[in-house]
Protein backbone atom coordinates (compact mmCIF):
# COMPACT_ATOMS: atom_id res chain seq x y z
CA MET A 1 121.73 93.09 98.92
CA LEU A 2 119.43 95.53 97.18
CA CYS A 3 120.95 98.24 95.01
CA MET A 4 119.24 101.20 93.36
CA GLN A 5 118.81 99.25 90.12
CA HIS A 6 116.84 96.53 91.96
CA ILE A 7 114.51 99.10 93.48
CA ASP A 8 114.06 100.94 90.18
CA VAL A 9 113.14 97.71 88.39
CA ALA A 10 110.52 96.85 91.02
CA PHE A 11 109.05 100.33 90.88
CA TYR A 12 109.06 100.33 87.08
CA TYR A 13 107.01 97.13 86.93
CA LEU A 14 104.62 98.52 89.52
CA ARG A 15 104.10 101.72 87.51
CA LYS A 16 103.64 99.70 84.33
CA LYS A 17 101.09 97.41 85.97
CA ILE A 18 99.10 100.36 87.31
CA ARG A 19 99.07 102.02 83.88
CA GLN A 20 98.01 98.83 82.08
CA PHE A 21 95.50 97.60 84.68
CA PRO A 22 94.20 100.63 86.61
CA GLU A 23 91.27 98.60 87.96
CA LEU A 24 93.70 96.59 90.12
CA GLU A 25 94.62 99.58 92.26
CA LYS A 26 91.77 101.75 93.59
CA ARG A 27 94.06 104.55 94.68
CA LYS A 28 95.42 107.00 92.13
CA VAL A 29 99.01 106.08 92.89
CA THR A 30 102.37 105.99 91.18
CA THR A 31 105.99 105.44 92.09
CA ILE A 32 109.20 107.23 91.23
CA ASP A 33 112.81 106.20 90.71
CA THR A 34 115.49 106.28 93.39
CA PHE A 35 117.10 109.23 91.59
CA PHE A 36 114.32 111.53 92.80
CA SER A 37 114.89 111.35 96.56
CA ALA A 38 118.67 111.49 96.15
CA LYS A 39 118.46 114.54 93.87
CA VAL A 40 115.96 116.32 96.13
CA ARG A 41 118.20 115.89 99.16
CA GLY A 42 121.19 117.20 97.22
CA MET A 43 119.30 120.21 95.87
CA TRP A 44 117.89 121.03 99.31
CA SER A 45 121.43 121.20 100.68
CA VAL A 46 122.44 123.61 97.90
CA TYR A 47 119.28 125.68 98.34
CA GLN A 48 119.87 126.08 102.07
CA SER A 49 123.32 127.56 101.48
CA SER A 50 122.07 130.24 99.04
CA PRO A 51 118.27 130.43 98.71
CA ASN A 52 118.27 133.90 97.12
CA THR A 53 120.62 132.92 94.30
CA PHE A 54 119.56 129.32 93.86
CA ASP A 55 119.62 128.13 90.23
CA TRP A 56 116.18 126.62 89.67
CA GLU A 57 117.21 125.37 86.23
CA SER A 58 119.31 122.79 88.07
CA CYS A 59 115.98 121.24 89.16
CA ASP A 60 114.61 120.73 85.65
CA SER A 61 115.15 116.97 85.88
CA LEU A 62 113.11 116.83 89.10
CA LEU A 63 110.28 118.90 87.65
CA ARG A 64 110.17 116.66 84.58
CA LEU A 65 109.90 113.58 86.79
CA MET A 66 107.02 115.21 88.65
CA LEU A 67 105.32 115.72 85.29
CA GLY A 68 105.76 112.04 84.46
CA VAL A 69 108.49 112.76 81.91
CA ASN A 70 111.85 110.95 81.81
CA VAL A 71 110.47 108.03 83.82
CA GLN A 72 109.20 104.87 82.15
CA SER A 73 105.43 104.40 82.54
CA GLY A 74 105.40 107.52 84.68
CA SER A 75 102.34 109.55 85.65
CA SER A 76 102.11 113.26 86.30
CA TRP A 77 101.66 114.31 89.91
CA PHE A 78 98.65 116.28 88.65
CA GLN A 79 96.95 112.95 87.86
CA VAL A 80 97.61 111.00 91.07
CA ASN A 81 96.97 111.34 94.80
CA THR A 82 99.67 109.09 96.23
CA LEU A 83 103.41 108.83 95.57
CA LEU A 84 105.58 105.94 96.74
CA ILE A 85 109.15 107.22 97.00
CA PRO A 86 112.13 105.00 97.89
CA ILE A 87 114.86 106.67 99.91
CA HIS A 88 118.33 105.34 100.64
CA PHE A 89 120.53 106.38 103.57
CA ASP A 90 124.12 105.85 102.52
CA ASP A 91 125.64 106.07 105.99
CA LEU A 92 123.08 103.60 107.35
CA LYS A 93 123.19 101.36 104.25
CA HIS A 94 119.45 101.23 104.59
CA TRP A 95 116.27 101.69 102.54
CA ALA A 96 112.99 103.16 103.70
CA LEU A 97 109.73 104.00 101.94
CA VAL A 98 108.13 107.45 101.83
CA ASN A 99 104.39 107.61 101.19
CA LEU A 100 103.48 111.12 100.02
CA GLU A 101 99.76 111.88 100.07
CA LEU A 102 98.91 114.79 97.78
CA THR A 103 95.28 114.97 98.88
CA ASN A 104 96.23 116.27 102.32
CA TRP A 105 99.98 116.89 101.83
CA THR A 106 101.33 114.49 104.43
CA ILE A 107 104.27 112.10 104.50
CA GLU A 108 104.34 108.66 106.09
CA VAL A 109 107.69 106.90 106.50
CA TYR A 110 107.92 103.10 106.64
CA ASP A 111 111.22 102.10 108.24
CA SER A 112 111.66 98.50 109.37
CA MET A 113 114.77 99.26 111.45
CA GLN A 114 113.66 102.33 113.36
CA HIS A 115 114.81 102.61 116.94
CA LYS A 116 115.90 105.34 119.30
CA GLY A 117 119.16 107.17 118.80
CA PRO A 118 121.21 108.14 115.73
CA HIS A 119 119.31 105.89 113.30
CA ASN A 120 115.98 107.66 113.76
CA SER A 121 117.52 111.12 113.64
CA LYS A 122 119.33 110.33 110.38
CA VAL A 123 116.20 108.92 108.77
CA ARG A 124 114.11 111.88 109.87
CA GLY A 125 116.82 114.29 108.69
CA GLY A 126 116.82 112.75 105.21
CA VAL A 127 113.04 112.73 104.95
CA ASN A 128 112.83 116.29 106.26
CA ALA A 129 114.78 117.41 103.20
CA LEU A 130 112.00 115.99 101.03
CA SER A 131 109.30 117.54 103.23
CA LYS A 132 110.87 120.98 102.83
CA PHE A 133 111.98 120.98 99.19
CA ILE A 134 109.06 119.18 97.52
CA PRO A 135 106.65 122.06 98.35
CA LEU A 136 109.05 124.48 96.65
CA LEU A 137 109.10 122.27 93.56
CA ALA A 138 105.31 121.97 93.67
CA GLU A 139 105.04 125.74 93.71
CA ARG A 140 107.25 125.96 90.61
CA LEU A 141 104.77 123.69 88.80
CA SER A 142 101.69 125.47 90.20
CA LEU A 143 100.70 122.09 91.61
CA PHE A 144 98.96 123.68 94.60
CA GLU A 145 96.31 125.08 92.24
CA PHE A 146 95.23 121.48 91.56
CA LYS A 147 96.29 119.87 94.87
CA PRO A 148 95.61 122.66 97.41
CA ARG A 149 97.04 122.82 100.90
CA GLU A 150 95.30 124.05 104.02
CA PRO A 151 96.53 126.52 104.99
CA PRO A 152 98.20 127.48 101.69
CA GLY A 153 101.97 127.83 101.58
CA THR A 154 105.31 126.13 100.96
CA TYR A 155 105.91 125.20 104.59
CA PRO A 156 107.30 121.68 105.29
CA ILE A 157 105.03 118.69 104.76
CA PRO A 158 104.18 117.01 108.10
CA VAL A 159 106.15 113.77 108.56
CA THR A 160 104.98 110.72 110.51
CA ILE A 161 107.28 107.76 111.17
CA MET A 162 104.93 104.79 111.09
CA ALA A 163 105.21 102.65 114.20
CA ASP A 164 103.03 99.56 113.78
CA ILE A 165 105.05 97.68 111.17
CA PRO A 166 107.17 94.53 111.44
CA ARG A 167 110.80 95.01 112.43
CA GLN A 168 113.95 93.40 111.14
CA GLY A 169 117.16 92.80 113.00
CA ASN A 170 120.37 94.54 112.04
CA GLY A 171 121.39 93.15 108.67
CA ALA A 172 118.48 90.72 108.53
CA GLY A 173 116.78 89.98 105.25
CA CYS A 174 113.31 88.92 104.26
CA PRO A 175 112.11 86.41 101.65
CA VAL A 176 109.26 88.67 100.50
CA LEU A 177 109.50 89.65 96.82
CA GLY A 178 112.91 88.14 96.28
CA ASN A 179 112.68 88.65 92.51
CA PRO A 180 110.91 91.94 91.59
CA GLY A 181 109.26 91.56 88.21
CA PRO A 182 105.99 91.81 86.28
CA HIS A 183 103.99 90.51 89.26
CA ALA A 184 105.15 93.24 91.64
CA ASN A 185 102.32 95.03 93.43
CA ILE A 186 101.77 97.71 96.04
CA GLN A 187 102.01 95.31 98.99
CA GLY A 188 105.05 93.63 97.49
CA VAL A 189 106.94 96.89 97.05
CA VAL A 190 106.04 98.02 100.56
CA SER A 191 107.35 94.68 101.77
CA LEU A 192 110.46 95.04 99.66
CA LEU A 193 111.35 98.46 100.99
CA SER A 194 109.90 98.90 104.43
CA LEU A 195 109.30 95.38 105.65
CA GLY A 196 111.86 93.46 103.67
CA PRO A 197 115.64 93.36 103.10
CA CYS A 198 116.36 96.98 103.92
CA LYS A 199 120.07 96.55 104.50
CA ALA A 200 121.38 97.47 101.10
CA LYS A 201 124.15 99.01 99.12
CA ALA A 202 123.60 102.11 97.03
């Protein structure tokens, strides 16, 4: 089963490949470690309980990641248009992929086990935390001056759960990208997270 270290390794090699061979990927895209989505969800919970007294210094590690600091082969969000963000749902023991487009400030979620009922609501609840807190972080960095929103503001980023993707059965795996390494690419990571062995341990 996939753990956070597996995902981080795959995303590291993807970032490294994009940095070394930018001609291979036409989009200005980067990835980010699993720490980011977990930390954002935790900070959003704290912020909700006391927004007026929230300690923004507790988000320094997130802001540094957004600047491409403290992440190997990282790129600043000011320099890219697309972010691929892995997100893990502990209670579901499940991975999904968040595609954040900074050109139009939208989120697409690739979830290979989506279905009606509690699963979908838990996935959407976790992603909604990102959609609500990331704009607040972006405002702290003055990112909207370089990646404007229409209309302007820190309102939640619209979220779309992508429907036309292959599905896996409960607990089923997938042979795609069984060994993430130097040959990882965009399609491989999408397969790994959203179309591949999503049943995983944290």
